[in-house]
N, C-alpha and C. Protein backbone atom coordinates (compact mmCIF):
# COMPACT_ATOMS: atom_id res chain seq x y z
N UNK A 1 71.02 102.70 115.62
CA UNK A 1 69.69 102.93 115.74
C UNK A 1 68.84 103.16 114.70
N UNK A 2 67.68 102.08 114.53
CA UNK A 2 66.97 102.11 113.23
C UNK A 2 66.48 103.33 113.05
N UNK A 3 66.18 103.72 111.56
CA UNK A 3 65.45 105.02 111.44
C UNK A 3 63.92 104.16 111.24
N UNK A 4 62.74 105.64 111.90
CA UNK A 4 61.31 105.37 111.72
C UNK A 4 60.89 104.68 110.33
N UNK A 5 61.39 104.96 109.32
CA UNK A 5 61.09 104.50 107.80
C UNK A 5 61.35 103.01 107.82
N UNK A 6 62.31 102.45 108.81
CA UNK A 6 62.88 101.13 108.32
C UNK A 6 61.79 100.29 109.34
N UNK A 7 61.82 101.21 110.44
CA UNK A 7 60.56 100.30 111.36
C UNK A 7 59.28 100.12 110.52
N UNK A 8 58.65 101.03 109.83
CA UNK A 8 57.42 100.78 109.42
C UNK A 8 57.51 100.03 108.64
N UNK A 9 58.76 100.19 107.39
CA UNK A 9 58.80 99.21 106.52
C UNK A 9 58.79 97.42 107.04
N UNK A 10 59.54 97.53 107.98
CA UNK A 10 59.83 95.94 108.60
C UNK A 10 58.33 95.66 109.28
N UNK A 11 57.44 96.28 109.77
CA UNK A 11 56.66 96.31 110.36
C UNK A 11 55.28 95.87 109.27
N UNK A 12 55.37 96.76 108.19
CA UNK A 12 54.35 96.31 107.06
C UNK A 12 54.57 94.80 106.51
N UNK A 13 56.52 94.67 106.38
CA UNK A 13 56.45 93.27 105.91
C UNK A 13 56.07 92.04 106.54
N UNK A 14 56.43 92.43 107.92
CA UNK A 14 55.61 91.23 108.95
C UNK A 14 54.52 90.97 108.69
N UNK A 15 53.51 92.09 108.69
CA UNK A 15 52.07 91.96 108.66
C UNK A 15 51.76 91.49 107.25
N UNK A 16 52.27 91.60 106.12
CA UNK A 16 52.04 91.13 104.55
C UNK A 16 52.57 89.69 104.80
N UNK A 17 53.28 89.41 105.15
CA UNK A 17 53.64 87.67 105.75
C UNK A 17 52.76 87.11 106.22
N UNK A 18 52.29 87.58 107.27
CA UNK A 18 51.22 86.86 108.40
C UNK A 18 49.87 86.65 107.46
N UNK A 19 49.75 87.71 106.71
CA UNK A 19 48.59 88.24 106.18
C UNK A 19 48.48 86.98 104.98
N UNK A 20 49.34 87.01 104.31
CA UNK A 20 49.37 85.98 102.96
C UNK A 20 49.07 84.42 103.34
N UNK A 21 49.59 84.30 104.38
CA UNK A 21 49.26 82.93 105.07
C UNK A 21 47.60 82.82 105.67
N UNK A 22 46.80 84.03 106.03
CA UNK A 22 45.75 83.69 106.51
C UNK A 22 44.32 83.48 105.11
N UNK A 23 45.16 84.84 104.59
CA UNK A 23 44.48 84.44 103.20
C UNK A 23 44.06 83.67 102.66
N UNK A 24 45.05 82.34 102.70
CA UNK A 24 44.92 81.28 102.08
C UNK A 24 43.86 80.11 102.26
N UNK A 25 43.25 80.58 103.84
CA UNK A 25 42.31 79.99 104.56
C UNK A 25 41.06 80.34 103.63
N UNK A 26 40.53 81.53 103.67
CA UNK A 26 39.68 81.89 103.05
C UNK A 26 38.32 81.82 103.53
N UNK A 27 37.36 80.63 103.63
CA UNK A 27 36.37 79.96 104.38
C UNK A 27 35.84 81.05 105.75
N UNK A 28 37.10 81.62 106.61
CA UNK A 28 36.71 81.72 107.57
C UNK A 28 37.06 83.15 108.05
N UNK A 29 35.97 83.49 109.02
CA UNK A 29 36.17 85.02 108.80
C UNK A 29 37.92 85.22 109.94
N UNK A 30 38.05 86.47 109.61
CA UNK A 30 39.51 86.88 110.47
C UNK A 30 39.21 87.50 111.90
N UNK A 31 39.67 87.03 112.83
CA UNK A 31 40.10 87.06 113.92
C UNK A 31 41.32 88.07 114.10
N UNK A 32 41.06 89.74 113.97
CA UNK A 32 42.26 90.60 113.88
C UNK A 32 42.78 91.24 115.03
N UNK A 33 43.88 91.63 115.63
CA UNK A 33 44.36 92.34 116.71
C UNK A 33 45.12 93.40 116.19
N UNK A 34 44.84 94.84 116.91
CA UNK A 34 45.56 95.72 117.19
C UNK A 34 45.88 96.34 118.54
N UNK A 35 47.14 96.38 118.59
CA UNK A 35 47.69 96.74 119.95
C UNK A 35 48.49 97.97 120.15
N UNK A 36 47.93 98.86 120.91
CA UNK A 36 48.66 100.13 121.17
C UNK A 36 49.08 100.29 122.35
N UNK A 37 49.65 101.46 122.78
CA UNK A 37 50.54 101.33 124.05
C UNK A 37 49.88 101.38 125.26
N UNK A 38 48.39 101.78 125.34
CA UNK A 38 47.67 101.61 126.34
C UNK A 38 46.33 100.62 126.23
N UNK A 39 46.08 100.35 124.84
CA UNK A 39 44.53 99.68 124.72
C UNK A 39 45.07 98.32 123.98
N UNK A 40 44.05 97.30 123.73
CA UNK A 40 44.15 96.35 122.84
C UNK A 40 42.83 96.09 122.26
N UNK A 41 42.48 95.70 121.04
CA UNK A 41 41.55 95.97 120.09
C UNK A 41 41.27 94.30 119.29
N UNK A 42 40.10 94.13 119.26
CA UNK A 42 40.21 92.96 118.49
C UNK A 42 38.81 93.03 117.38
N UNK A 43 38.82 92.58 116.10
CA UNK A 43 37.84 92.45 115.32
C UNK A 43 37.84 91.27 114.90
N UNK A 44 36.27 90.94 114.24
CA UNK A 44 36.16 89.73 113.56
C UNK A 44 35.88 90.07 112.39
N UNK A 45 36.44 89.86 111.52
CA UNK A 45 36.26 90.43 110.18
C UNK A 45 35.77 89.83 109.08
N UNK A 46 34.79 89.59 108.02
CA UNK A 46 34.22 88.80 106.89
C UNK A 46 35.26 89.55 105.56
N UNK A 47 36.28 88.94 105.09
CA UNK A 47 36.85 89.42 104.41
C UNK A 47 36.30 89.44 102.63
N UNK A 48 35.44 88.51 102.44
CA UNK A 48 34.48 88.04 101.41
C UNK A 48 33.53 89.27 101.37
N UNK A 49 32.72 89.98 102.11
CA UNK A 49 32.04 90.96 102.22
C UNK A 49 32.53 92.35 102.43
N UNK A 50 34.08 92.24 102.97
CA UNK A 50 34.38 93.69 103.54
C UNK A 50 34.06 94.12 104.69
N UNK A 51 33.48 93.51 105.36
CA UNK A 51 32.61 93.58 106.58
C UNK A 51 33.47 93.60 107.62
N UNK A 52 33.25 94.11 109.19
CA UNK A 52 33.05 93.79 110.31
C UNK A 52 32.24 93.28 110.93
N UNK A 53 32.34 91.62 111.06
CA UNK A 53 30.84 91.17 112.09
C UNK A 53 30.95 91.87 113.69
N UNK A 54 31.63 91.50 114.48
CA UNK A 54 32.02 92.25 115.68
C UNK A 54 33.38 92.63 116.01
N UNK A 55 33.17 93.40 117.30
CA UNK A 55 34.22 94.28 117.54
C UNK A 55 34.39 94.16 118.91
N UNK A 56 35.49 94.26 120.02
CA UNK A 56 35.74 94.51 121.19
C UNK A 56 37.22 95.08 121.41
N UNK A 57 37.09 95.71 122.67
CA UNK A 57 38.53 96.41 122.75
C UNK A 57 38.32 96.63 124.51
N UNK A 58 39.43 97.23 124.78
CA UNK A 58 39.50 97.85 126.34
C UNK A 58 39.03 99.23 126.28
N UNK A 59 38.35 99.65 125.51
CA UNK A 59 37.85 101.24 125.58
C UNK A 59 36.20 100.63 125.74
N UNK A 60 35.91 99.38 125.55
CA UNK A 60 34.45 99.33 125.82
C UNK A 60 34.07 99.82 127.42
N UNK A 61 32.61 100.00 127.53
CA UNK A 61 32.11 100.30 128.79
C UNK A 61 32.67 99.58 130.16
N UNK A 62 32.84 98.14 129.77
CA UNK A 62 33.38 97.57 131.34
C UNK A 62 34.34 97.52 131.28
N UNK A 63 35.24 98.54 130.73
CA UNK A 63 36.70 98.92 130.90
C UNK A 63 37.21 100.02 131.21
N UNK A 64 36.11 100.83 131.83
CA UNK A 64 36.33 102.15 132.29
C UNK A 64 37.53 102.07 133.26
N UNK A 65 38.72 102.84 133.02
CA UNK A 65 39.72 103.05 133.84
C UNK A 65 39.74 103.97 134.88
N UNK A 66 40.05 103.85 136.08
CA UNK A 66 40.01 105.01 136.81
C UNK A 66 40.90 106.13 136.65
N UNK A 67 41.03 107.42 137.19
CA UNK A 67 41.76 108.37 136.67
C UNK A 67 43.23 108.08 137.41
N UNK A 68 44.01 108.20 136.51
CA UNK A 68 45.89 107.92 137.15
C UNK A 68 45.86 106.46 136.86
N UNK A 69 45.36 105.59 136.51
CA UNK A 69 45.71 104.42 136.24
C UNK A 69 46.34 104.34 134.68
N UNK A 70 47.43 103.38 134.37
CA UNK A 70 48.11 103.67 133.52
C UNK A 70 47.49 102.47 132.19
N UNK A 71 48.23 101.66 131.42
CA UNK A 71 48.00 100.73 130.68
C UNK A 71 46.79 99.38 131.33
N UNK A 72 46.60 98.50 130.58
CA UNK A 72 46.04 97.44 130.57
C UNK A 72 47.04 96.55 130.47
N UNK A 73 46.48 95.27 130.96
CA UNK A 73 47.78 94.14 131.27
C UNK A 73 47.38 92.90 130.48
N UNK A 74 47.77 91.65 130.89
CA UNK A 74 47.10 90.79 130.12
C UNK A 74 46.14 90.18 130.66
N UNK A 75 45.40 90.47 131.98
CA UNK A 75 44.28 89.80 132.10
C UNK A 75 43.15 90.75 131.62
N UNK A 76 43.34 92.08 131.18
CA UNK A 76 42.62 92.92 130.69
C UNK A 76 42.24 92.12 128.87
N UNK A 77 43.47 91.87 128.70
CA UNK A 77 43.63 91.15 126.79
C UNK A 77 42.98 90.12 126.85
N UNK A 78 42.83 89.18 127.99
CA UNK A 78 41.98 88.16 127.72
C UNK A 78 40.60 88.19 128.13
N UNK A 79 40.08 88.96 128.87
CA UNK A 79 39.19 89.44 128.88
C UNK A 79 38.16 90.17 127.53
N UNK A 80 39.41 90.81 127.03
CA UNK A 80 38.68 91.11 125.74
C UNK A 80 38.38 89.95 124.65
N UNK A 81 39.75 88.97 124.71
CA UNK A 81 39.27 87.57 123.92
C UNK A 81 37.90 87.30 124.31
N UNK A 82 37.80 86.81 125.49
CA UNK A 82 36.22 86.55 126.18
C UNK A 82 34.96 87.34 125.15
N UNK A 83 35.39 88.31 125.61
CA UNK A 83 34.13 89.14 125.03
C UNK A 83 33.82 89.19 123.43
N UNK A 84 34.90 88.78 122.52
CA UNK A 84 35.01 89.02 121.33
C UNK A 84 34.36 87.49 121.24
N UNK A 85 34.62 86.83 121.69
CA UNK A 85 34.10 85.18 121.31
C UNK A 85 32.51 85.29 122.04
N UNK A 86 31.98 85.81 122.66
CA UNK A 86 30.69 85.61 123.43
C UNK A 86 30.06 86.47 121.93
N UNK A 87 30.54 87.52 121.60
CA UNK A 87 29.76 88.43 120.83
C UNK A 87 29.51 87.89 119.11
N UNK A 88 31.00 86.96 119.01
CA UNK A 88 30.82 86.24 117.75
C UNK A 88 29.69 85.29 117.97
N UNK A 89 29.26 84.29 118.91
CA UNK A 89 28.81 83.26 119.41
C UNK A 89 27.35 83.87 118.86
N UNK A 90 27.05 85.15 119.17
CA UNK A 90 25.65 85.67 119.14
C UNK A 90 25.69 85.67 117.49
N UNK A 91 26.65 86.10 117.12
CA UNK A 91 26.20 86.14 115.19
C UNK A 91 26.60 85.13 114.82
N UNK A 92 26.51 83.22 115.52
CA UNK A 92 26.49 82.20 114.85
C UNK A 92 28.15 82.19 114.09
N UNK A 93 29.19 82.56 114.87
CA UNK A 93 30.45 82.70 114.19
C UNK A 93 31.24 81.64 115.07
N UNK A 94 31.85 80.73 114.97
CA UNK A 94 32.09 79.98 115.88
C UNK A 94 33.61 79.36 115.76
N UNK A 95 34.18 79.47 114.00
CA UNK A 95 35.23 79.19 113.71
C UNK A 95 35.88 80.69 113.12
N UNK A 96 37.27 80.95 113.58
CA UNK A 96 37.78 81.94 112.74
C UNK A 96 39.30 81.62 112.86
N UNK A 97 40.05 82.58 111.96
CA UNK A 97 41.60 82.42 111.57
C UNK A 97 42.20 83.57 112.25
N UNK A 98 43.05 83.39 112.94
CA UNK A 98 43.94 84.31 114.00
C UNK A 98 45.13 85.15 113.28
N UNK A 99 44.61 86.47 112.96
CA UNK A 99 45.68 87.45 112.69
C UNK A 99 46.24 88.33 113.47
N UNK A 100 47.63 87.94 113.84
CA UNK A 100 48.18 88.37 115.04
C UNK A 100 48.53 89.71 114.10
N UNK A 101 48.88 90.05 113.13
CA UNK A 101 49.16 91.00 112.57
C UNK A 101 50.83 91.29 112.28
N UNK A 102 51.47 92.23 112.82
CA UNK A 102 52.66 92.36 112.92
C UNK A 102 53.32 92.17 114.34
N UNK A 103 52.40 91.83 115.28
CA UNK A 103 52.66 91.61 116.50
C UNK A 103 52.96 90.08 116.96
N UNK A 104 53.95 89.75 117.94
CA UNK A 104 54.46 88.26 118.13
C UNK A 104 53.33 87.96 118.80
N UNK A 105 53.31 86.55 118.87
CA UNK A 105 52.11 85.81 119.64
C UNK A 105 52.89 85.56 120.97
N UNK A 106 52.67 86.45 121.85
CA UNK A 106 53.77 86.42 123.19
C UNK A 106 52.75 87.35 123.66
N UNK A 107 52.57 87.33 125.20
CA UNK A 107 52.27 88.58 125.94
C UNK A 107 50.63 88.80 125.72
N UNK A 108 50.30 90.03 125.68
CA UNK A 108 48.83 90.44 125.63
C UNK A 108 48.12 89.81 124.42
N UNK A 109 48.95 89.85 123.24
CA UNK A 109 48.44 89.22 121.89
C UNK A 109 47.66 87.53 122.23
N UNK A 110 48.81 86.91 122.79
CA UNK A 110 48.81 85.90 123.30
C UNK A 110 47.31 85.27 124.45
N UNK A 111 47.48 86.51 125.15
CA UNK A 111 46.24 86.12 126.26
C UNK A 111 44.82 86.75 125.84
N UNK A 112 44.92 87.33 124.66
CA UNK A 112 43.79 87.83 123.73
C UNK A 112 43.47 86.31 123.28
N UNK A 113 44.06 85.48 122.70
CA UNK A 113 44.18 84.16 121.77
C UNK A 113 43.47 83.34 122.87
N UNK A 114 44.16 83.32 123.54
CA UNK A 114 43.69 82.07 125.10
C UNK A 114 42.06 82.63 125.36
N UNK A 115 42.11 83.70 125.87
CA UNK A 115 40.76 84.18 126.38
C UNK A 115 39.60 83.74 125.39
N UNK A 116 39.87 84.21 123.93
CA UNK A 116 39.04 83.55 123.18
C UNK A 116 38.53 82.28 122.98
N UNK A 117 39.73 81.54 122.91
CA UNK A 117 39.58 79.98 122.85
C UNK A 117 38.93 79.43 124.11
N UNK A 118 39.15 80.11 125.57
CA UNK A 118 38.30 79.51 126.49
C UNK A 118 36.79 79.87 126.11
N UNK A 119 36.55 81.24 125.72
CA UNK A 119 35.02 81.37 125.36
C UNK A 119 34.45 80.55 124.26
N UNK A 120 35.07 79.71 123.87
CA UNK A 120 34.58 79.01 123.06
C UNK A 120 34.96 79.03 121.14
N UNK A 121 35.79 79.91 120.97
CA UNK A 121 36.01 80.02 119.41
C UNK A 121 36.84 79.20 119.04
N UNK A 122 36.99 78.95 117.71
CA UNK A 122 37.75 77.65 117.34
C UNK A 122 38.68 78.09 116.34
N UNK A 123 39.87 77.98 116.49
CA UNK A 123 41.13 78.46 115.24
C UNK A 123 42.58 77.82 115.95
């Protein structure tokens, strides 16, 4: 069984490896994903200015859960992708670079990306 420090170190290495490839693009803002056990969050970040342009998550008002409901599924992640794309269009952002962070491009992360593409983001 791996120790907690080893897990964190591996996660940080994956994150840095992915981020190093993304930084090379540079001109486009970055669509970054954070996934917790219960929720999924997305932000579009302008690295040059160091600011968050838009954000969306399953904690937004439209995603309120009923008591007793558990985690969100892929459908909710796809909806978060659509919401962030709509908010990005309002800020005149159409082209981004997808930063999956330490997560595999699979399941909820993939659903979020597909939802953003469906709503018109280009990456």
